[in-house]
Each structure stands twice: as structure tokens, then as C-alpha cells.
N, C-alpha and C. Protein backbone atom coordinates (compact mmCIF):
# COMPACT_ATOMS: atom_id res chain seq x y z
N MET A 1 0.85 -1.17 0.00
CA MET A 1 0.00 0.00 0.00
C MET A 1 0.89 1.23 0.00
N ARG A 2 0.39 2.31 -0.55
CA ARG A 2 1.14 3.56 -0.60
C ARG A 2 0.95 4.34 0.70
N ILE A 3 1.73 5.39 0.82
CA ILE A 3 1.76 6.16 2.06
C ILE A 3 0.39 6.73 2.43
N GLY A 4 -0.36 7.20 1.45
CA GLY A 4 -1.67 7.76 1.74
C GLY A 4 -2.63 6.74 2.32
N GLU A 5 -2.60 5.53 1.78
CA GLU A 5 -3.48 4.48 2.29
C GLU A 5 -3.07 4.07 3.70
N LEU A 6 -1.76 3.91 3.91
CA LEU A 6 -1.29 3.56 5.25
C LEU A 6 -1.68 4.65 6.25
N ALA A 7 -1.49 5.89 5.86
CA ALA A 7 -1.85 7.00 6.74
C ALA A 7 -3.33 6.96 7.09
N ARG A 8 -4.17 6.75 6.08
CA ARG A 8 -5.61 6.70 6.32
C ARG A 8 -5.98 5.54 7.22
N ARG A 9 -5.45 4.36 6.94
CA ARG A 9 -5.79 3.17 7.73
C ARG A 9 -5.26 3.24 9.15
N ALA A 10 -4.12 3.90 9.34
CA ALA A 10 -3.52 3.99 10.68
C ALA A 10 -4.00 5.22 11.45
N GLY A 11 -4.67 6.13 10.76
CA GLY A 11 -5.15 7.33 11.43
C GLY A 11 -4.07 8.35 11.73
N VAL A 12 -3.07 8.42 10.87
CA VAL A 12 -1.98 9.37 11.03
C VAL A 12 -1.79 10.13 9.72
N SER A 13 -0.96 11.13 9.74
CA SER A 13 -0.67 11.88 8.53
C SER A 13 0.49 11.23 7.78
N PRO A 14 0.55 11.45 6.48
CA PRO A 14 1.73 10.99 5.73
C PRO A 14 3.02 11.57 6.29
N ARG A 15 2.93 12.81 6.76
CA ARG A 15 4.12 13.44 7.36
C ARG A 15 4.60 12.66 8.58
N ALA A 16 3.66 12.19 9.42
CA ALA A 16 4.04 11.39 10.59
C ALA A 16 4.73 10.11 10.15
N LEU A 17 4.21 9.49 9.09
CA LEU A 17 4.83 8.25 8.60
C LEU A 17 6.25 8.51 8.11
N ARG A 18 6.45 9.61 7.41
CA ARG A 18 7.80 9.94 6.95
C ARG A 18 8.72 10.19 8.15
N TYR A 19 8.18 10.80 9.20
CA TYR A 19 8.97 11.04 10.41
C TYR A 19 9.31 9.72 11.09
N TYR A 20 8.35 8.81 11.19
CA TYR A 20 8.63 7.49 11.78
C TYR A 20 9.71 6.79 10.98
N GLU A 21 9.66 6.94 9.67
CA GLU A 21 10.68 6.33 8.81
C GLU A 21 12.04 6.96 9.08
N GLN A 22 12.06 8.28 9.19
CA GLN A 22 13.29 9.00 9.48
C GLN A 22 13.89 8.55 10.82
N GLN A 23 13.03 8.23 11.78
CA GLN A 23 13.47 7.80 13.11
C GLN A 23 13.83 6.31 13.15
N GLY A 24 13.65 5.61 12.04
CA GLY A 24 14.00 4.20 11.97
C GLY A 24 12.94 3.26 12.50
N LEU A 25 11.73 3.76 12.73
CA LEU A 25 10.67 2.92 13.28
C LEU A 25 9.96 2.09 12.21
N ILE A 26 9.83 2.65 11.03
CA ILE A 26 9.26 1.89 9.91
C ILE A 26 10.20 2.03 8.72
N ARG A 27 10.08 1.11 7.79
CA ARG A 27 10.94 1.13 6.60
C ARG A 27 10.07 0.97 5.36
N ALA A 28 10.07 1.99 4.54
CA ALA A 28 9.32 1.90 3.29
C ALA A 28 10.19 1.24 2.23
N ARG A 29 9.52 0.46 1.41
CA ARG A 29 10.18 -0.03 0.22
C ARG A 29 9.84 0.95 -0.89
N ARG A 30 10.69 1.07 -1.87
CA ARG A 30 10.45 2.01 -2.97
C ARG A 30 10.09 1.24 -4.23
N THR A 31 9.05 1.72 -4.89
CA THR A 31 8.67 1.12 -6.18
C THR A 31 9.60 1.68 -7.25
N ALA A 32 9.50 1.15 -8.45
CA ALA A 32 10.36 1.58 -9.56
C ALA A 32 10.22 3.08 -9.82
N ASN A 33 9.03 3.62 -9.60
CA ASN A 33 8.84 5.05 -9.85
C ASN A 33 9.10 5.90 -8.61
N GLY A 34 9.63 5.30 -7.53
CA GLY A 34 10.05 6.03 -6.35
C GLY A 34 9.02 6.19 -5.25
N TYR A 35 7.81 5.66 -5.47
CA TYR A 35 6.78 5.76 -4.42
C TYR A 35 7.14 4.86 -3.25
N ARG A 36 6.76 5.33 -2.06
CA ARG A 36 6.92 4.49 -0.88
C ARG A 36 5.86 3.40 -0.91
N GLU A 37 6.26 2.21 -0.53
CA GLU A 37 5.33 1.08 -0.50
C GLU A 37 5.42 0.44 0.89
N TYR A 38 4.25 0.17 1.47
CA TYR A 38 4.18 -0.39 2.82
C TYR A 38 3.35 -1.67 2.81
N SER A 39 3.55 -2.47 3.84
CA SER A 39 2.83 -3.75 3.97
C SER A 39 1.88 -3.70 5.17
N GLU A 40 1.14 -4.78 5.34
CA GLU A 40 0.27 -4.92 6.51
C GLU A 40 1.10 -4.92 7.80
N ALA A 41 2.31 -5.46 7.72
CA ALA A 41 3.19 -5.45 8.89
C ALA A 41 3.52 -4.02 9.32
N ASP A 42 3.67 -3.14 8.34
CA ASP A 42 3.93 -1.74 8.66
C ASP A 42 2.72 -1.11 9.34
N LEU A 43 1.53 -1.49 8.90
CA LEU A 43 0.32 -1.00 9.55
C LEU A 43 0.31 -1.42 11.02
N LYS A 44 0.70 -2.64 11.28
CA LYS A 44 0.75 -3.13 12.67
C LYS A 44 1.77 -2.33 13.48
N LEU A 45 2.91 -2.04 12.87
CA LEU A 45 3.93 -1.25 13.56
C LEU A 45 3.42 0.15 13.89
N VAL A 46 2.79 0.80 12.91
CA VAL A 46 2.28 2.15 13.13
C VAL A 46 1.18 2.15 14.18
N THR A 47 0.34 1.14 14.16
CA THR A 47 -0.73 1.03 15.16
C THR A 47 -0.12 0.89 16.56
N GLU A 48 0.91 0.10 16.67
CA GLU A 48 1.61 -0.07 17.96
C GLU A 48 2.22 1.26 18.41
N ILE A 49 2.89 1.92 17.50
CA ILE A 49 3.52 3.21 17.81
C ILE A 49 2.47 4.20 18.30
N ARG A 50 1.37 4.32 17.57
CA ARG A 50 0.31 5.26 17.94
C ARG A 50 -0.30 4.94 19.30
N SER A 51 -0.51 3.67 19.57
CA SER A 51 -1.10 3.31 20.86
C SER A 51 -0.16 3.66 22.01
N LEU A 52 1.14 3.52 21.79
CA LEU A 52 2.12 3.89 22.81
C LEU A 52 2.17 5.40 23.00
N LEU A 53 2.18 6.13 21.89
CA LEU A 53 2.22 7.59 21.98
C LEU A 53 0.98 8.13 22.68
N THR A 54 -0.15 7.51 22.44
CA THR A 54 -1.41 7.96 23.03
C THR A 54 -1.37 7.94 24.56
N VAL A 55 -0.65 6.98 25.14
CA VAL A 55 -0.61 6.88 26.60
C VAL A 55 0.66 7.49 27.20
N GLY A 56 1.40 8.26 26.40
CA GLY A 56 2.50 9.02 26.95
C GLY A 56 3.90 8.51 26.69
N PHE A 57 4.04 7.45 25.92
CA PHE A 57 5.38 6.98 25.58
C PHE A 57 5.96 7.87 24.49
N THR A 58 7.27 7.89 24.39
CA THR A 58 7.95 8.64 23.34
C THR A 58 8.27 7.71 22.17
N LEU A 59 8.71 8.28 21.06
CA LEU A 59 9.13 7.44 19.94
C LEU A 59 10.33 6.59 20.32
N GLU A 60 11.20 7.13 21.14
CA GLU A 60 12.34 6.34 21.62
C GLU A 60 11.85 5.15 22.43
N ASP A 61 10.84 5.37 23.27
CA ASP A 61 10.25 4.28 24.06
C ASP A 61 9.67 3.20 23.15
N ALA A 62 9.16 3.60 22.00
CA ALA A 62 8.49 2.66 21.10
C ALA A 62 9.45 1.71 20.40
N LYS A 63 10.71 2.05 20.33
CA LYS A 63 11.67 1.25 19.56
C LYS A 63 11.73 -0.21 19.98
N PRO A 64 11.78 -0.55 21.27
CA PRO A 64 11.81 -1.98 21.63
C PRO A 64 10.53 -2.72 21.22
N PHE A 65 9.40 -2.05 21.26
CA PHE A 65 8.14 -2.66 20.85
C PHE A 65 8.16 -2.96 19.36
N VAL A 66 8.67 -2.00 18.58
CA VAL A 66 8.78 -2.19 17.13
C VAL A 66 9.74 -3.33 16.83
N ALA A 67 10.87 -3.35 17.52
CA ALA A 67 11.85 -4.43 17.30
C ALA A 67 11.24 -5.79 17.63
N CYS A 68 10.44 -5.84 18.67
CA CYS A 68 9.79 -7.08 19.08
C CYS A 68 8.83 -7.57 18.00
N LEU A 69 8.05 -6.66 17.44
CA LEU A 69 7.14 -7.03 16.36
C LEU A 69 7.92 -7.49 15.12
N ARG A 70 8.98 -6.76 14.80
CA ARG A 70 9.80 -7.13 13.64
C ARG A 70 10.43 -8.51 13.82
N ALA A 71 10.69 -8.88 15.08
CA ALA A 71 11.28 -10.19 15.36
C ALA A 71 10.27 -11.32 15.22
N GLY A 72 9.02 -10.97 14.92
CA GLY A 72 8.01 -11.99 14.68
C GLY A 72 7.05 -12.26 15.82
N HIS A 73 7.16 -11.50 16.90
CA HIS A 73 6.26 -11.70 18.03
C HIS A 73 4.88 -11.14 17.70
N GLU A 74 3.87 -11.73 18.28
CA GLU A 74 2.49 -11.31 18.05
C GLU A 74 2.22 -9.91 18.60
N SER A 75 2.85 -9.59 19.72
CA SER A 75 2.66 -8.29 20.36
C SER A 75 4.02 -7.65 20.59
N GLY A 76 4.03 -6.33 20.50
CA GLY A 76 5.27 -5.61 20.78
C GLY A 76 5.67 -5.67 22.24
N ALA A 77 4.76 -6.13 23.09
CA ALA A 77 5.03 -6.22 24.52
C ALA A 77 5.57 -7.59 24.93
N ASP A 78 5.77 -8.47 23.96
CA ASP A 78 6.19 -9.84 24.27
C ASP A 78 7.68 -10.00 24.59
N CYS A 79 8.46 -8.95 24.46
CA CYS A 79 9.91 -9.05 24.66
C CYS A 79 10.33 -8.38 25.97
N PRO A 80 11.38 -8.89 26.59
CA PRO A 80 11.84 -8.33 27.86
C PRO A 80 12.18 -6.84 27.78
N GLU A 81 12.71 -6.39 26.65
CA GLU A 81 13.06 -4.97 26.51
C GLU A 81 11.82 -4.09 26.59
N SER A 82 10.73 -4.58 26.02
CA SER A 82 9.47 -3.84 26.07
C SER A 82 8.92 -3.80 27.49
N VAL A 83 9.00 -4.92 28.17
CA VAL A 83 8.53 -4.98 29.56
C VAL A 83 9.32 -3.99 30.41
N GLU A 84 10.60 -3.89 30.14
CA GLU A 84 11.43 -2.94 30.89
C GLU A 84 10.98 -1.50 30.64
N VAL A 85 10.60 -1.19 29.40
CA VAL A 85 10.09 0.15 29.10
C VAL A 85 8.80 0.41 29.88
N TYR A 86 7.92 -0.60 29.93
CA TYR A 86 6.70 -0.46 30.74
C TYR A 86 7.04 -0.16 32.20
N ARG A 87 7.99 -0.91 32.75
CA ARG A 87 8.37 -0.70 34.15
C ARG A 87 8.92 0.70 34.38
N ARG A 88 9.78 1.14 33.48
CA ARG A 88 10.36 2.47 33.61
C ARG A 88 9.27 3.54 33.52
N LYS A 89 8.36 3.38 32.57
CA LYS A 89 7.28 4.36 32.40
C LYS A 89 6.38 4.41 33.64
N LEU A 90 6.07 3.25 34.20
CA LEU A 90 5.26 3.23 35.43
C LEU A 90 5.97 3.93 36.57
N ALA A 91 7.28 3.74 36.68
CA ALA A 91 8.05 4.43 37.72
C ALA A 91 8.00 5.94 37.50
N GLU A 92 8.11 6.38 36.24
CA GLU A 92 8.01 7.81 35.92
C GLU A 92 6.64 8.36 36.31
N ILE A 93 5.59 7.61 35.98
CA ILE A 93 4.23 8.04 36.31
C ILE A 93 4.05 8.12 37.82
N ASP A 94 4.57 7.12 38.54
CA ASP A 94 4.49 7.15 40.01
C ASP A 94 5.20 8.38 40.57
N ASP A 95 6.36 8.72 40.01
CA ASP A 95 7.08 9.93 40.45
C ASP A 95 6.25 11.18 40.18
N GLU A 96 5.61 11.23 39.02
CA GLU A 96 4.77 12.38 38.69
C GLU A 96 3.58 12.48 39.65
N ILE A 97 2.99 11.35 39.98
CA ILE A 97 1.85 11.34 40.92
C ILE A 97 2.31 11.86 42.28
N ARG A 98 3.46 11.38 42.76
CA ARG A 98 3.97 11.86 44.05
C ARG A 98 4.20 13.37 44.02
N ALA A 99 4.78 13.87 42.94
CA ALA A 99 5.03 15.30 42.82
C ALA A 99 3.72 16.08 42.79
N LEU A 100 2.73 15.56 42.10
CA LEU A 100 1.42 16.22 42.06
C LEU A 100 0.76 16.24 43.43
N LEU A 101 0.89 15.15 44.18
CA LEU A 101 0.31 15.11 45.52
C LEU A 101 0.98 16.13 46.45
N VAL A 102 2.27 16.31 46.31
CA VAL A 102 2.98 17.31 47.09
C VAL A 102 2.48 18.71 46.71
N ARG A 103 2.36 18.97 45.40
CA ARG A 103 1.85 20.27 44.94
C ARG A 103 0.44 20.51 45.42
N ARG A 104 -0.38 19.45 45.39
CA ARG A 104 -1.77 19.57 45.83
C ARG A 104 -1.81 19.96 47.32
N ALA A 105 -0.99 19.29 48.12
CA ALA A 105 -0.95 19.57 49.56
C ALA A 105 -0.51 21.02 49.80
N GLU A 106 0.45 21.50 49.01
CA GLU A 106 0.90 22.88 49.16
C GLU A 106 -0.22 23.87 48.83
N VAL A 107 -0.91 23.62 47.73
CA VAL A 107 -2.01 24.51 47.34
C VAL A 107 -3.14 24.44 48.36
N ALA A 108 -3.44 23.24 48.85
CA ALA A 108 -4.49 23.09 49.87
C ALA A 108 -4.10 23.85 51.13
N GLY A 109 -2.83 23.81 51.50
CA GLY A 109 -2.36 24.56 52.66
C GLY A 109 -2.50 26.06 52.46
N GLN A 110 -2.18 26.52 51.26
CA GLN A 110 -2.34 27.94 50.95
C GLN A 110 -3.81 28.35 50.99
N LEU A 111 -4.68 27.48 50.49
CA LEU A 111 -6.11 27.76 50.52
C LEU A 111 -6.60 27.82 51.97
N SER A 112 -6.15 26.89 52.79
CA SER A 112 -6.56 26.88 54.20
C SER A 112 -6.12 28.15 54.91
N THR A 113 -4.94 28.65 54.57
CA THR A 113 -4.44 29.88 55.16
C THR A 113 -5.26 31.08 54.67
N ALA A 114 -5.56 31.09 53.38
CA ALA A 114 -6.28 32.21 52.79
C ALA A 114 -7.76 32.20 53.17
N CYS A 115 -8.28 31.01 53.40
CA CYS A 115 -9.72 30.89 53.66
C CYS A 115 -9.92 29.83 54.75
N PRO A 116 -9.71 30.21 56.03
CA PRO A 116 -9.76 29.23 57.12
C PRO A 116 -11.06 28.44 57.21
N GLY A 117 -12.17 28.99 56.78
CA GLY A 117 -13.45 28.27 56.89
C GLY A 117 -13.79 27.48 55.64
N CYS A 118 -13.00 27.58 54.62
CA CYS A 118 -13.31 26.88 53.36
C CYS A 118 -13.14 25.38 53.53
N VAL A 119 -14.02 24.67 52.90
CA VAL A 119 -13.96 23.21 52.93
C VAL A 119 -13.19 22.74 51.69
N LEU A 120 -12.18 21.92 51.91
CA LEU A 120 -11.44 21.36 50.79
C LEU A 120 -12.20 20.14 50.26
N THR A 121 -12.45 20.15 48.98
CA THR A 121 -13.15 19.01 48.38
C THR A 121 -12.29 18.43 47.29
N LYS A 122 -12.49 17.16 47.06
CA LYS A 122 -11.81 16.46 45.96
C LYS A 122 -12.82 16.25 44.85
N ARG A 123 -12.40 16.54 43.63
CA ARG A 123 -13.25 16.25 42.48
C ARG A 123 -13.04 14.83 42.04
N GLU A 124 -14.08 14.26 41.52
CA GLU A 124 -13.96 12.87 41.05
C GLU A 124 -13.98 12.81 39.56
């Protein structure tokens, strides 16, 4: 399939696909007339990349998942390198949550000082 079809099927722009190619995440084959040509396997790679980006992973984070799929695994998460990326990302998220809780406590303290009778509520 050509770049436009892959872009449409994967829900990304052709520019994003060219960028993924530039970053070494996907590899286009070239037809005799110079058009980029992609396979269903490339669609799977782009889908994996997009799903990772959607939840906060970087393109660098996606590389082990792509390598895992290229190695023939059913899922990009089937390899130890990918699992390690998951672990690292969870640790980063936990650090961010701790930092947010500290900031929340500081703001709540400032609110209590500014408005001693105000009730602090949590939104759900």
C-alpha cells in the first residue's frame, strides 16, 4: 500500500509516517517510480507506535516494541526490553503522581491559610 493508504488506515498523517521512517521505526520499500510502499506489517507497527504515543510513551520508548514485532512476536510487549520500558514508564508516572500530591498539599495549605473556613473538596 502507498503512504496515503497507510496514513488513512492507521489514522496518522503521511508526514508522521515519513517522520517514523526517518526515526528508523518503519521502513518503506520504494517502487520503480520512487513511491513508498508499505505492507500490513507496517500498519501493525504504526498502530503499535500510535497506541504507545497515546498513553505518553515517546518514539524512543516505542523502539523496543517495534523491534519485538519485527522479530516476529504477536505483540510488541512480548519481549523483555518492552517490559522494561513499561516498568520504567510506570516508575516515571508514580514519580509524577507523588510530585502532584505534594503540589496539591501545598495549594491546599495555601487555601486553608487564605480561607480558614473553606472546605477542601476532591473532584472525582
